[in-house]
Each structure stands twice: as C-alpha cells, then as structure tokens.
Amino acid sequence: MTKDTKNIGYNGEILAQEYLASKNYIILHTNWRFKHAEIDIIAKDKNIIVFVEVKYRKNKNFGYPEEFLTKNKIKKMHEAAEEFIEQFKWNGELRFDIIAIEGKNIQHFIDAFY
C-alpha cells in the first residue's frame, strides 16, 4: 500500500467519523486491531455497539465502494468484534455497518451484514 493510498483511506475514515458524530454516534475506537483483523470504527448508537467498515473511492469507475468488502474482511471483522465483546464484557446489542464514500458522497448502510 502506498503512502497516497494510506492517506486516502485515512481521509475517508475521518469523513466517516465526522458523519457518525453528526448523527450523534459516540466514537469509541478507530482502527481497532485484533491479530490480523482491523475494525475501522467502533461506535455507540444509543445502546448499540456498531462495528463500521469504511470504504472510500474517488469515483465509481471501478464500482461502488461498498462492493469492495470481501468475505474474508467480513470474517476478520467478526473475529475482531468477538474479541472486543469479550475484552469489554459487552452483552448488549451490536451490528455491522458500512460507510461507503465516493468523492464527497456518503452512504451509510445500517446493519449491512451479520
């Protein structure tokens, strides 16, 4: 991954955090890691813990941002989420969201996968 790619991804995650904060989500963690898995944003929406994957693209020339979430990434997010739940003794509701950003357009897919 090049430095430019990292910067683009980082900027997309900042936009996603700002978007979530504007919707009254509380950002708990960013880039939360467990082994080889990473969750871009862990937030709280009222009484629900939300694990968020951020997908950013400059444009749709190669497809929609949300289409780039792989089965392997979902598996790794589940593993990291299980560790988070265990570490923080969370026994409430949770969900997995995607924030897809194309240029400045933000789409929030709530409860996008299980």
PDB file of N, CA and C in Angstrom:
ATOM      1  N   MET A   1       0.851  -1.170   0.000  1.00  0.00           N
ATOM      2  CA  MET A   1       0.000   0.000   0.000  1.00  0.00           C
ATOM      3  C   MET A   1       0.902   1.240   0.000  1.00  0.00           C
ATOM      4  N   THR A   2       0.616   2.158  -0.885  1.00  0.00           N
ATOM      5  CA  THR A   2       1.435   3.360  -0.981  1.00  0.00           C
ATOM      6  C   THR A   2       1.017   4.378   0.067  1.00  0.00           C
ATOM      7  N   LYS A   3       1.881   5.362   0.266  1.00  0.00           N
ATOM      8  CA  LYS A   3       1.577   6.432   1.211  1.00  0.00           C
ATOM      9  C   LYS A   3       0.301   7.169   0.800  1.00  0.00           C
ATOM     10  N   ASP A   4       0.141   7.409  -0.524  1.00  0.00           N
ATOM     11  CA  ASP A   4      -1.066   8.078  -1.015  1.00  0.00           C
ATOM     12  C   ASP A   4      -2.314   7.272  -0.707  1.00  0.00           C
ATOM     13  N   THR A   5      -2.245   5.958  -0.895  1.00  0.00           N
ATOM     14  CA  THR A   5      -3.392   5.091  -0.607  1.00  0.00           C
ATOM     15  C   THR A   5      -3.753   5.158   0.872  1.00  0.00           C
ATOM     16  N   LYS A   6      -2.733   5.132   1.742  1.00  0.00           N
ATOM     17  CA  LYS A   6      -2.990   5.234   3.184  1.00  0.00           C
ATOM     18  C   LYS A   6      -3.642   6.564   3.530  1.00  0.00           C
ATOM     19  N   ASN A   7      -3.149   7.652   2.929  1.00  0.00           N
ATOM     20  CA  ASN A   7      -3.718   8.970   3.195  1.00  0.00           C
ATOM     21  C   ASN A   7      -5.169   9.057   2.733  1.00  0.00           C
ATOM     22  N   ILE A   8      -5.458   8.492   1.571  1.00  0.00           N
ATOM     23  CA  ILE A   8      -6.829   8.495   1.055  1.00  0.00           C
ATOM     24  C   ILE A   8      -7.741   7.718   2.002  1.00  0.00           C
ATOM     25  N   GLY A   9      -7.282   6.534   2.432  1.00  0.00           N
ATOM     26  CA  GLY A   9      -8.071   5.741   3.380  1.00  0.00           C
ATOM     27  C   GLY A   9      -8.274   6.469   4.696  1.00  0.00           C
ATOM     28  N   TYR A  10      -7.224   7.090   5.200  1.00  0.00           N
ATOM     29  CA  TYR A  10      -7.310   7.851   6.450  1.00  0.00           C
ATOM     30  C   TYR A  10      -8.315   8.994   6.303  1.00  0.00           C
ATOM     31  N   ASN A  11      -8.244   9.720   5.197  1.00  0.00           N
ATOM     32  CA  ASN A  11      -9.186  10.825   4.974  1.00  0.00           C
ATOM     33  C   ASN A  11     -10.621  10.325   4.898  1.00  0.00           C
ATOM     34  N   GLY A  12     -10.821   9.174   4.284  1.00  0.00           N
ATOM     35  CA  GLY A  12     -12.161   8.588   4.236  1.00  0.00           C
ATOM     36  C   GLY A  12     -12.658   8.238   5.624  1.00  0.00           C
ATOM     37  N   GLU A  13     -11.782   7.711   6.466  1.00  0.00           N
ATOM     38  CA  GLU A  13     -12.171   7.359   7.832  1.00  0.00           C
ATOM     39  C   GLU A  13     -12.501   8.607   8.646  1.00  0.00           C
ATOM     40  N   ILE A  14     -11.780   9.689   8.434  1.00  0.00           N
ATOM     41  CA  ILE A  14     -12.089  10.954   9.120  1.00  0.00           C
ATOM     42  C   ILE A  14     -13.472  11.451   8.701  1.00  0.00           C
ATOM     43  N   LEU A  15     -13.760  11.414   7.401  1.00  0.00           N
ATOM     44  CA  LEU A  15     -15.092  11.813   6.915  1.00  0.00           C
ATOM     45  C   LEU A  15     -16.176  10.951   7.555  1.00  0.00           C
ATOM     46  N   ALA A  16     -15.925   9.651   7.649  1.00  0.00           N
ATOM     47  CA  ALA A  16     -16.900   8.734   8.243  1.00  0.00           C
ATOM     48  C   ALA A  16     -17.113   9.059   9.722  1.00  0.00           C
ATOM     49  N   GLN A  17     -16.037   9.338  10.450  1.00  0.00           N
ATOM     50  CA  GLN A  17     -16.161   9.701  11.866  1.00  0.00           C
ATOM     51  C   GLN A  17     -16.969  10.979  12.032  1.00  0.00           C
ATOM     52  N   GLU A  18     -16.689  11.971  11.201  1.00  0.00           N
ATOM     53  CA  GLU A  18     -17.439  13.233  11.266  1.00  0.00           C
ATOM     54  C   GLU A  18     -18.915  12.999  10.959  1.00  0.00           C
ATOM     55  N   TYR A  19     -19.175  12.168   9.965  1.00  0.00           N
ATOM     56  CA  TYR A  19     -20.563  11.838   9.611  1.00  0.00           C
ATOM     57  C   TYR A  19     -21.269  11.183  10.795  1.00  0.00           C
ATOM     58  N   LEU A  20     -20.637  10.168  11.396  1.00  0.00           N
ATOM     59  CA  LEU A  20     -21.253   9.470  12.525  1.00  0.00           C
ATOM     60  C   LEU A  20     -21.476  10.415  13.706  1.00  0.00           C
ATOM     61  N   ALA A  21     -20.503  11.254  13.987  1.00  0.00           N
ATOM     62  CA  ALA A  21     -20.643  12.216  15.085  1.00  0.00           C
ATOM     63  C   ALA A  21     -21.814  13.159  14.819  1.00  0.00           C
ATOM     64  N   SER A  22     -22.022  13.545  13.568  1.00  0.00           N
ATOM     65  CA  SER A  22     -23.142  14.429  13.223  1.00  0.00           C
ATOM     66  C   SER A  22     -24.490  13.738  13.435  1.00  0.00           C
ATOM     67  N   LYS A  23     -24.474  12.398  13.463  1.00  0.00           N
ATOM     68  CA  LYS A  23     -25.697  11.609  13.701  1.00  0.00           C
ATOM     69  C   LYS A  23     -25.787  11.169  15.169  1.00  0.00           C
ATOM     70  N   ASN A  24     -24.980  11.797  16.027  1.00  0.00           N
ATOM     71  CA  ASN A  24     -24.971  11.542  17.475  1.00  0.00           C
ATOM     72  C   ASN A  24     -24.428  10.181  17.885  1.00  0.00           C
ATOM     73  N   TYR A  25     -23.619   9.579  17.035  1.00  0.00           N
ATOM     74  CA  TYR A  25     -22.902   8.366  17.428  1.00  0.00           C
ATOM     75  C   TYR A  25     -21.730   8.807  18.299  1.00  0.00           C
ATOM     76  N   ILE A  26     -21.364   7.976  19.237  1.00  0.00           N
ATOM     77  CA  ILE A  26     -20.179   8.216  20.054  1.00  0.00           C
ATOM     78  C   ILE A  26     -19.075   7.306  19.528  1.00  0.00           C
ATOM     79  N   ILE A  27     -17.976   7.904  19.091  1.00  0.00           N
ATOM     80  CA  ILE A  27     -16.850   7.130  18.568  1.00  0.00           C
ATOM     81  C   ILE A  27     -16.083   6.566  19.760  1.00  0.00           C
ATOM     82  N   LEU A  28     -15.996   5.245  19.846  1.00  0.00           N
ATOM     83  CA  LEU A  28     -15.293   4.588  20.946  1.00  0.00           C
ATOM     84  C   LEU A  28     -13.846   4.272  20.582  1.00  0.00           C
ATOM     85  N   HIS A  29     -13.643   3.768  19.362  1.00  0.00           N
ATOM     86  CA  HIS A  29     -12.310   3.384  18.906  1.00  0.00           C
ATOM     87  C   HIS A  29     -12.220   3.576  17.395  1.00  0.00           C
ATOM     88  N   THR A  30     -11.012   3.864  16.941  1.00  0.00           N
ATOM     89  CA  THR A  30     -10.743   3.870  15.500  1.00  0.00           C
ATOM     90  C   THR A  30      -9.559   2.937  15.248  1.00  0.00           C
ATOM     91  N   ASN A  31      -9.617   2.269  14.132  1.00  0.00           N
ATOM     92  CA  ASN A  31      -8.565   1.322  13.732  1.00  0.00           C
ATOM     93  C   ASN A  31      -8.259   0.330  14.847  1.00  0.00           C
ATOM     94  N   TRP A  32      -9.302  -0.257  15.386  1.00  0.00           N
ATOM     95  CA  TRP A  32      -9.166  -1.218  16.487  1.00  0.00           C
ATOM     96  C   TRP A  32      -8.676  -2.542  15.916  1.00  0.00           C
ATOM     97  N   ARG A  33      -7.598  -3.058  16.484  1.00  0.00           N
ATOM     98  CA  ARG A  33      -6.956  -4.248  15.929  1.00  0.00           C
ATOM     99  C   ARG A  33      -7.019  -5.434  16.884  1.00  0.00           C
ATOM    100  N   PHE A  34      -7.143  -6.600  16.255  1.00  0.00           N
ATOM    101  CA  PHE A  34      -7.007  -7.872  16.947  1.00  0.00           C
ATOM    102  C   PHE A  34      -6.328  -8.821  15.971  1.00  0.00           C
ATOM    103  N   LYS A  35      -5.128  -9.261  16.332  1.00  0.00           N
ATOM    104  CA  LYS A  35      -4.316 -10.109  15.448  1.00  0.00           C
ATOM    105  C   LYS A  35      -4.197  -9.443  14.076  1.00  0.00           C
ATOM    106  N   HIS A  36      -4.692 -10.109  13.023  1.00  0.00           N
ATOM    107  CA  HIS A  36      -4.578  -9.549  11.678  1.00  0.00           C
ATOM    108  C   HIS A  36      -5.867  -8.876  11.214  1.00  0.00           C
ATOM    109  N   ALA A  37      -6.767  -8.631  12.148  1.00  0.00           N
ATOM    110  CA  ALA A  37      -8.047  -8.018  11.805  1.00  0.00           C
ATOM    111  C   ALA A  37      -8.083  -6.578  12.307  1.00  0.00           C
ATOM    112  N   GLU A  38      -8.808  -5.751  11.584  1.00  0.00           N
ATOM    113  CA  GLU A  38      -8.965  -4.362  11.994  1.00  0.00           C
ATOM    114  C   GLU A  38     -10.394  -3.923  11.740  1.00  0.00           C
ATOM    115  N   ILE A  39     -10.912  -3.162  12.682  1.00  0.00           N
ATOM    116  CA  ILE A  39     -12.226  -2.541  12.513  1.00  0.00           C
ATOM    117  C   ILE A  39     -11.971  -1.041  12.416  1.00  0.00           C
ATOM    118  N   ASP A  40     -12.437  -0.434  11.338  1.00  0.00           N
ATOM    119  CA  ASP A  40     -12.143   0.980  11.103  1.00  0.00           C
ATOM    120  C   ASP A  40     -12.683   1.868  12.218  1.00  0.00           C
ATOM    121  N   ILE A  41     -13.946   1.659  12.574  1.00  0.00           N
ATOM    122  CA  ILE A  41     -14.568   2.480  13.613  1.00  0.00           C
ATOM    123  C   ILE A  41     -15.457   1.586  14.477  1.00  0.00           C
ATOM    124  N   ILE A  42     -15.344   1.768  15.776  1.00  0.00           N
ATOM    125  CA  ILE A  42     -16.295   1.168  16.711  1.00  0.00           C
ATOM    126  C   ILE A  42     -16.982   2.339  17.388  1.00  0.00           C
ATOM    127  N   ALA A  43     -18.296   2.355  17.278  1.00  0.00           N
ATOM    128  CA  ALA A  43     -19.073   3.482  17.789  1.00  0.00           C
ATOM    129  C   ALA A  43     -20.260   2.971  18.577  1.00  0.00           C
ATOM    130  N   LYS A  44     -20.893   3.891  19.266  1.00  0.00           N
ATOM    131  CA  LYS A  44     -22.097   3.557  20.010  1.00  0.00           C
ATOM    132  C   LYS A  44     -23.238   4.405  19.456  1.00  0.00           C
ATOM    133  N   ASP A  45     -24.309   3.738  19.068  1.00  0.00           N
ATOM    134  CA  ASP A  45     -25.527   4.383  18.583  1.00  0.00           C
ATOM    135  C   ASP A  45     -26.613   4.081  19.612  1.00  0.00           C
ATOM    136  N   LYS A  46     -26.862   5.053  20.460  1.00  0.00           N
ATOM    137  CA  LYS A  46     -27.743   4.862  21.615  1.00  0.00           C
ATOM    138  C   LYS A  46     -27.195   3.717  22.464  1.00  0.00           C
ATOM    139  N   ASN A  47     -27.847   2.569  22.493  1.00  0.00           N
ATOM    140  CA  ASN A  47     -27.361   1.454  23.314  1.00  0.00           C
ATOM    141  C   ASN A  47     -26.853   0.279  22.467  1.00  0.00           C
ATOM    142  N   ILE A  48     -26.435   0.576  21.236  1.00  0.00           N
ATOM    143  CA  ILE A  48     -25.949  -0.455  20.316  1.00  0.00           C
ATOM    144  C   ILE A  48     -24.480  -0.178  19.987  1.00  0.00           C
ATOM    145  N   ILE A  49     -23.649  -1.205  20.092  1.00  0.00           N
ATOM    146  CA  ILE A  49     -22.264  -1.098  19.635  1.00  0.00           C
ATOM    147  C   ILE A  49     -22.269  -1.368  18.130  1.00  0.00           C
ATOM    148  N   VAL A  50     -21.643  -0.470  17.374  1.00  0.00           N
ATOM    149  CA  VAL A  50     -21.636  -0.554  15.919  1.00  0.00           C
ATOM    150  C   VAL A  50     -20.194  -0.710  15.426  1.00  0.00           C
ATOM    151  N   PHE A  51     -19.957  -1.781  14.690  1.00  0.00           N
ATOM    152  CA  PHE A  51     -18.663  -2.031  14.068  1.00  0.00           C
ATOM    153  C   PHE A  51     -18.780  -1.549  12.621  1.00  0.00           C
ATOM    154  N   VAL A  52     -17.942  -0.584  12.256  1.00  0.00           N
ATOM    155  CA  VAL A  52     -18.098   0.087  10.964  1.00  0.00           C
ATOM    156  C   VAL A  52     -16.894  -0.161  10.064  1.00  0.00           C
ATOM    157  N   GLU A  53     -17.173  -0.588   8.860  1.00  0.00           N
ATOM    158  CA  GLU A  53     -16.165  -0.695   7.813  1.00  0.00           C
ATOM    159  C   GLU A  53     -16.340   0.502   6.887  1.00  0.00           C
ATOM    160  N   VAL A  54     -15.267   1.224   6.638  1.00  0.00           N
ATOM    161  CA  VAL A  54     -15.305   2.394   5.769  1.00  0.00           C
ATOM    162  C   VAL A  54     -14.689   2.013   4.426  1.00  0.00           C
ATOM    163  N   LYS A  55     -15.412   2.284   3.371  1.00  0.00           N
ATOM    164  CA  LYS A  55     -14.918   2.046   2.018  1.00  0.00           C
ATOM    165  C   LYS A  55     -14.966   3.369   1.267  1.00  0.00           C
ATOM    166  N   TYR A  56     -13.807   3.778   0.758  1.00  0.00           N
ATOM    167  CA  TYR A  56     -13.690   5.074   0.078  1.00  0.00           C
ATOM    168  C   TYR A  56     -13.162   4.881  -1.338  1.00  0.00           C
ATOM    169  N   ARG A  57     -13.765   5.573  -2.278  1.00  0.00           N
ATOM    170  CA  ARG A  57     -13.283   5.593  -3.666  1.00  0.00           C
ATOM    171  C   ARG A  57     -13.438   7.026  -4.178  1.00  0.00           C
ATOM    172  N   LYS A  58     -12.515   7.422  -5.024  1.00  0.00           N
ATOM    173  CA  LYS A  58     -12.598   8.767  -5.621  1.00  0.00           C
ATOM    174  C   LYS A  58     -13.809   8.874  -6.551  1.00  0.00           C
ATOM    175  N   ASN A  59     -14.093   7.766  -7.252  1.00  0.00           N
ATOM    176  CA  ASN A  59     -15.221   7.749  -8.183  1.00  0.00           C
ATOM    177  C   ASN A  59     -15.688   6.297  -8.355  1.00  0.00           C
ATOM    178  N   LYS A  60     -16.709   6.106  -9.180  1.00  0.00           N
ATOM    179  CA  LYS A  60     -17.280   4.771  -9.379  1.00  0.00           C
ATOM    180  C   LYS A  60     -16.746   4.084 -10.632  1.00  0.00           C
ATOM    181  N   ASN A  61     -15.614   4.533 -11.134  1.00  0.00           N
ATOM    182  CA  ASN A  61     -15.067   3.944 -12.363  1.00  0.00           C
ATOM    183  C   ASN A  61     -14.869   2.435 -12.250  1.00  0.00           C
ATOM    184  N   PHE A  62     -14.543   1.959 -11.057  1.00  0.00           N
ATOM    185  CA  PHE A  62     -14.287   0.525 -10.872  1.00  0.00           C
ATOM    186  C   PHE A  62     -15.362  -0.138 -10.007  1.00  0.00           C
ATOM    187  N   GLY A  63     -16.460   0.566  -9.768  1.00  0.00           N
ATOM    188  CA  GLY A  63     -17.550   0.016  -8.975  1.00  0.00           C
ATOM    189  C   GLY A  63     -17.842   0.865  -7.758  1.00  0.00           C
ATOM    190  N   TYR A  64     -18.894   0.502  -7.065  1.00  0.00           N
ATOM    191  CA  TYR A  64     -19.306   1.222  -5.866  1.00  0.00           C
ATOM    192  C   TYR A  64     -18.409   0.835  -4.694  1.00  0.00           C
ATOM    193  N   PRO A  65     -18.109   1.779  -3.807  1.00  0.00           N
ATOM    194  CA  PRO A  65     -17.203   1.478  -2.690  1.00  0.00           C
ATOM    195  C   PRO A  65     -17.637   0.267  -1.870  1.00  0.00           C
ATOM    196  N   GLU A  66     -18.925   0.156  -1.587  1.00  0.00           N
ATOM    197  CA  GLU A  66     -19.423  -0.933  -0.733  1.00  0.00           C
ATOM    198  C   GLU A  66     -19.225  -2.313  -1.362  1.00  0.00           C
ATOM    199  N   GLU A  67     -19.010  -2.357  -2.678  1.00  0.00           N
ATOM    200  CA  GLU A  67     -18.791  -3.636  -3.360  1.00  0.00           C
ATOM    201  C   GLU A  67     -17.401  -4.218  -3.084  1.00  0.00           C
ATOM    202  N   PHE A  68     -16.538  -3.452  -2.444  1.00  0.00           N
ATOM    203  CA  PHE A  68     -15.168  -3.894  -2.202  1.00  0.00           C
ATOM    204  C   PHE A  68     -14.990  -4.544  -0.835  1.00  0.00           C
ATOM    205  N   LEU A  69     -16.067  -4.838  -0.157  1.00  0.00           N
ATOM    206  CA  LEU A  69     -15.997  -5.549   1.120  1.00  0.00           C
ATOM    207  C   LEU A  69     -16.016  -7.045   0.823  1.00  0.00           C
ATOM    208  N   THR A  70     -14.920  -7.709   1.132  1.00  0.00           N
ATOM    209  CA  THR A  70     -14.778  -9.128   0.797  1.00  0.00           C
ATOM    210  C   THR A  70     -15.301 -10.025   1.927  1.00  0.00           C
ATOM    211  N   LYS A  71     -15.547 -11.280   1.578  1.00  0.00           N
ATOM    212  CA  LYS A  71     -15.957 -12.266   2.585  1.00  0.00           C
ATOM    213  C   LYS A  71     -14.874 -12.431   3.637  1.00  0.00           C
ATOM    214  N   ASN A  72     -13.611 -12.386   3.211  1.00  0.00           N
ATOM    215  CA  ASN A  72     -12.502 -12.511   4.151  1.00  0.00           C
ATOM    216  C   ASN A  72     -12.475 -11.337   5.137  1.00  0.00           C
ATOM    217  N   LYS A  73     -12.733 -10.128   4.649  1.00  0.00           N
ATOM    218  CA  LYS A  73     -12.757  -8.954   5.527  1.00  0.00           C
ATOM    219  C   LYS A  73     -13.904  -9.078   6.532  1.00  0.00           C
ATOM    220  N   ILE A  74     -15.059  -9.547   6.087  1.00  0.00           N
ATOM    221  CA  ILE A  74     -16.195  -9.741   6.991  1.00  0.00           C
ATOM    222  C   ILE A  74     -15.830 -10.759   8.070  1.00  0.00           C
ATOM    223  N   LYS A  75     -15.181 -11.848   7.671  1.00  0.00           N
ATOM    224  CA  LYS A  75     -14.758 -12.873   8.630  1.00  0.00           C
ATOM    225  C   LYS A  75     -13.819 -12.272   9.668  1.00  0.00           C
ATOM    226  N   LYS A  76     -12.848 -11.501   9.219  1.00  0.00           N
ATOM    227  CA  LYS A  76     -11.891 -10.885  10.134  1.00  0.00           C
ATOM    228  C   LYS A  76     -12.563  -9.857  11.047  1.00  0.00           C
ATOM    229  N   MET A  77     -13.526  -9.131  10.518  1.00  0.00           N
ATOM    230  CA  MET A  77     -14.268  -8.180  11.360  1.00  0.00           C
ATOM    231  C   MET A  77     -15.033  -8.918  12.457  1.00  0.00           C
ATOM    232  N   HIS A  78     -15.630 -10.058  12.106  1.00  0.00           N
ATOM    233  CA  HIS A  78     -16.331 -10.859  13.112  1.00  0.00           C
ATOM    234  C   HIS A  78     -15.374 -11.317  14.211  1.00  0.00           C
ATOM    235  N   GLU A  79     -14.191 -11.776  13.808  1.00  0.00           N
ATOM    236  CA  GLU A  79     -13.198 -12.217  14.789  1.00  0.00           C
ATOM    237  C   GLU A  79     -12.811 -11.070  15.723  1.00  0.00           C
ATOM    238  N   ALA A  80     -12.554  -9.909  15.146  1.00  0.00           N
ATOM    239  CA  ALA A  80     -12.181  -8.743  15.959  1.00  0.00           C
ATOM    240  C   ALA A  80     -13.338  -8.308  16.853  1.00  0.00           C
ATOM    241  N   ALA A  81     -14.547  -8.352  16.335  1.00  0.00           N
ATOM    242  CA  ALA A  81     -15.723  -7.971  17.121  1.00  0.00           C
ATOM    243  C   ALA A  81     -15.906  -8.920  18.307  1.00  0.00           C
ATOM    244  N   GLU A  82     -15.705 -10.216  18.071  1.00  0.00           N
ATOM    245  CA  GLU A  82     -15.813 -11.190  19.169  1.00  0.00           C
ATOM    246  C   GLU A  82     -14.802 -10.881  20.263  1.00  0.00           C
ATOM    247  N   GLU A  83     -13.587 -10.520  19.871  1.00  0.00           N
ATOM    248  CA  GLU A  83     -12.554 -10.168  20.851  1.00  0.00           C
ATOM    249  C   GLU A  83     -12.942  -8.894  21.598  1.00  0.00           C
ATOM    250  N   PHE A  84     -13.459  -7.914  20.877  1.00  0.00           N
ATOM    251  CA  PHE A  84     -13.892  -6.668  21.508  1.00  0.00           C
ATOM    252  C   PHE A  84     -14.971  -6.952  22.552  1.00  0.00           C
ATOM    253  N   ILE A  85     -15.966  -7.751  22.170  1.00  0.00           N
ATOM    254  CA  ILE A  85     -17.077  -8.099  23.066  1.00  0.00           C
ATOM    255  C   ILE A  85     -16.545  -8.782  24.319  1.00  0.00           C
ATOM    256  N   GLU A  86     -15.592  -9.678  24.143  1.00  0.00           N
ATOM    257  CA  GLU A  86     -15.016 -10.390  25.283  1.00  0.00           C
ATOM    258  C   GLU A  86     -14.185  -9.449  26.160  1.00  0.00           C
ATOM    259  N   GLN A  87     -13.330  -8.655  25.555  1.00  0.00           N
ATOM    260  CA  GLN A  87     -12.469  -7.744  26.322  1.00  0.00           C
ATOM    261  C   GLN A  87     -13.261  -6.743  27.146  1.00  0.00           C
ATOM    262  N   PHE A  88     -14.319  -6.203  26.549  1.00  0.00           N
ATOM    263  CA  PHE A  88     -15.084  -5.147  27.209  1.00  0.00           C
ATOM    264  C   PHE A  88     -16.370  -5.658  27.865  1.00  0.00           C
ATOM    265  N   LYS A  89     -16.516  -6.991  27.897  1.00  0.00           N
ATOM    266  CA  LYS A  89     -17.665  -7.624  28.570  1.00  0.00           C
ATOM    267  C   LYS A  89     -19.000  -7.053  28.089  1.00  0.00           C
ATOM    268  N   TRP A  90     -19.110  -6.834  26.772  1.00  0.00           N
ATOM    269  CA  TRP A  90     -20.338  -6.280  26.209  1.00  0.00           C
ATOM    270  C   TRP A  90     -21.346  -7.391  26.009  1.00  0.00           C
ATOM    271  N   ASN A  91     -22.564  -7.211  26.540  1.00  0.00           N
ATOM    272  CA  ASN A  91     -23.607  -8.227  26.345  1.00  0.00           C
ATOM    273  C   ASN A  91     -24.888  -7.618  25.778  1.00  0.00           C
ATOM    274  N   GLY A  92     -24.759  -6.418  25.229  1.00  0.00           N
ATOM    275  CA  GLY A  92     -25.914  -5.754  24.619  1.00  0.00           C
ATOM    276  C   GLY A  92     -25.972  -5.996  23.122  1.00  0.00           C
ATOM    277  N   GLU A  93     -26.762  -5.167  22.460  1.00  0.00           N
ATOM    278  CA  GLU A  93     -26.931  -5.291  21.015  1.00  0.00           C
ATOM    279  C   GLU A  93     -25.680  -4.833  20.284  1.00  0.00           C
ATOM    280  N   LEU A  94     -25.506  -5.381  19.084  1.00  0.00           N
ATOM    281  CA  LEU A  94     -24.427  -4.931  18.214  1.00  0.00           C
ATOM    282  C   LEU A  94     -24.870  -5.080  16.777  1.00  0.00           C
ATOM    283  N   ARG A  95     -24.152  -4.375  15.915  1.00  0.00           N
ATOM    284  CA  ARG A  95     -24.432  -4.509  14.480  1.00  0.00           C
ATOM    285  C   ARG A  95     -23.196  -4.125  13.687  1.00  0.00           C
ATOM    286  N   PHE A  96     -23.233  -4.474  12.401  1.00  0.00           N
ATOM    287  CA  PHE A  96     -22.145  -4.185  11.481  1.00  0.00           C
ATOM    288  C   PHE A  96     -22.672  -3.262  10.383  1.00  0.00           C
ATOM    289  N   ASP A  97     -22.039  -2.107  10.244  1.00  0.00           N
ATOM    290  CA  ASP A  97     -22.425  -1.117   9.235  1.00  0.00           C
ATOM    291  C   ASP A  97     -21.296  -0.932   8.231  1.00  0.00           C
ATOM    292  N   ILE A  98     -21.657  -0.398   7.085  1.00  0.00           N
ATOM    293  CA  ILE A  98     -20.674   0.039   6.089  1.00  0.00           C
ATOM    294  C   ILE A  98     -20.931   1.516   5.822  1.00  0.00           C
ATOM    295  N   ILE A  99     -19.858   2.279   5.786  1.00  0.00           N
ATOM    296  CA  ILE A  99     -19.953   3.652   5.297  1.00  0.00           C
ATOM    297  C   ILE A  99     -19.173   3.682   3.995  1.00  0.00           C
ATOM    298  N   ALA A 100     -19.895   3.953   2.920  1.00  0.00           N
ATOM    299  CA  ALA A 100     -19.315   3.992   1.580  1.00  0.00           C
ATOM    300  C   ALA A 100     -19.204   5.456   1.164  1.00  0.00           C
ATOM    301  N   ILE A 101     -17.995   5.853   0.801  1.00  0.00           N
ATOM    302  CA  ILE A 101     -17.755   7.238   0.413  1.00  0.00           C
ATOM    303  C   ILE A 101     -17.218   7.239  -1.010  1.00  0.00           C
ATOM    304  N   GLU A 102     -17.883   7.996  -1.850  1.00  0.00           N
ATOM    305  CA  GLU A 102     -17.441   8.168  -3.233  1.00  0.00           C
ATOM    306  C   GLU A 102     -17.311   9.672  -3.446  1.00  0.00           C
ATOM    307  N   GLY A 103     -16.058  10.138  -3.534  1.00  0.00           N
ATOM    308  CA  GLY A 103     -15.822  11.585  -3.570  1.00  0.00           C
ATOM    309  C   GLY A 103     -16.255  12.184  -2.245  1.00  0.00           C
ATOM    310  N   LYS A 104     -17.250  13.046  -2.263  1.00  0.00           N
ATOM    311  CA  LYS A 104     -17.792  13.649  -1.030  1.00  0.00           C
ATOM    312  C   LYS A 104     -19.158  13.060  -0.661  1.00  0.00           C
ATOM    313  N   ASN A 105     -19.653  12.125  -1.479  1.00  0.00           N
ATOM    314  CA  ASN A 105     -20.952  11.495  -1.241  1.00  0.00           C
ATOM    315  C   ASN A 105     -20.801  10.357  -0.234  1.00  0.00           C
ATOM    316  N   ILE A 106     -21.577  10.412   0.851  1.00  0.00           N
ATOM    317  CA  ILE A 106     -21.504   9.400   1.902  1.00  0.00           C
ATOM    318  C   ILE A 106     -22.812   8.627   1.955  1.00  0.00           C
ATOM    319  N   GLN A 107     -22.688   7.302   1.923  1.00  0.00           N
ATOM    320  CA  GLN A 107     -23.848   6.426   2.102  1.00  0.00           C
ATOM    321  C   GLN A 107     -23.586   5.565   3.322  1.00  0.00           C
ATOM    322  N   HIS A 108     -24.582   5.461   4.180  1.00  0.00           N
ATOM    323  CA  HIS A 108     -24.465   4.668   5.411  1.00  0.00           C
ATOM    324  C   HIS A 108     -25.390   3.463   5.287  1.00  0.00           C
ATOM    325  N   PHE A 109     -24.792   2.287   5.237  1.00  0.00           N
ATOM    326  CA  PHE A 109     -25.554   1.046   5.164  1.00  0.00           C
ATOM    327  C   PHE A 109     -25.635   0.486   6.579  1.00  0.00           C
ATOM    328  N   ILE A 110     -26.784   0.652   7.208  1.00  0.00           N
ATOM    329  CA  ILE A 110     -27.001   0.218   8.577  1.00  0.00           C
ATOM    330  C   ILE A 110     -27.356  -1.255   8.584  1.00  0.00           C
ATOM    331  N   ASP A 111     -26.721  -2.001   9.513  1.00  0.00           N
ATOM    332  CA  ASP A 111     -26.968  -3.438   9.626  1.00  0.00           C
ATOM    333  C   ASP A 111     -26.700  -4.120   8.289  1.00  0.00           C
ATOM    334  N   ALA A 112     -25.546  -3.812   7.706  1.00  0.00           N
ATOM    335  CA  ALA A 112     -25.204  -4.233   6.344  1.00  0.00           C
ATOM    336  C   ALA A 112     -24.918  -5.720   6.217  1.00  0.00           C
ATOM    337  N   PHE A 113     -24.413  -6.343   7.279  1.00  0.00           N
ATOM    338  CA  PHE A 113     -24.117  -7.770   7.245  1.00  0.00           C
ATOM    339  C   PHE A 113     -24.070  -8.303   8.666  1.00  0.00           C
ATOM    340  N   TYR A 114     -24.031  -9.642   8.770  1.00  0.00           N
ATOM    341  CA  TYR A 114     -24.027 -10.279  10.101  1.00  0.00           C
ATOM    342  C   TYR A 114     -22.748 -11.025  10.294  1.00  0.00           C
TER     343      TYR A 114
END
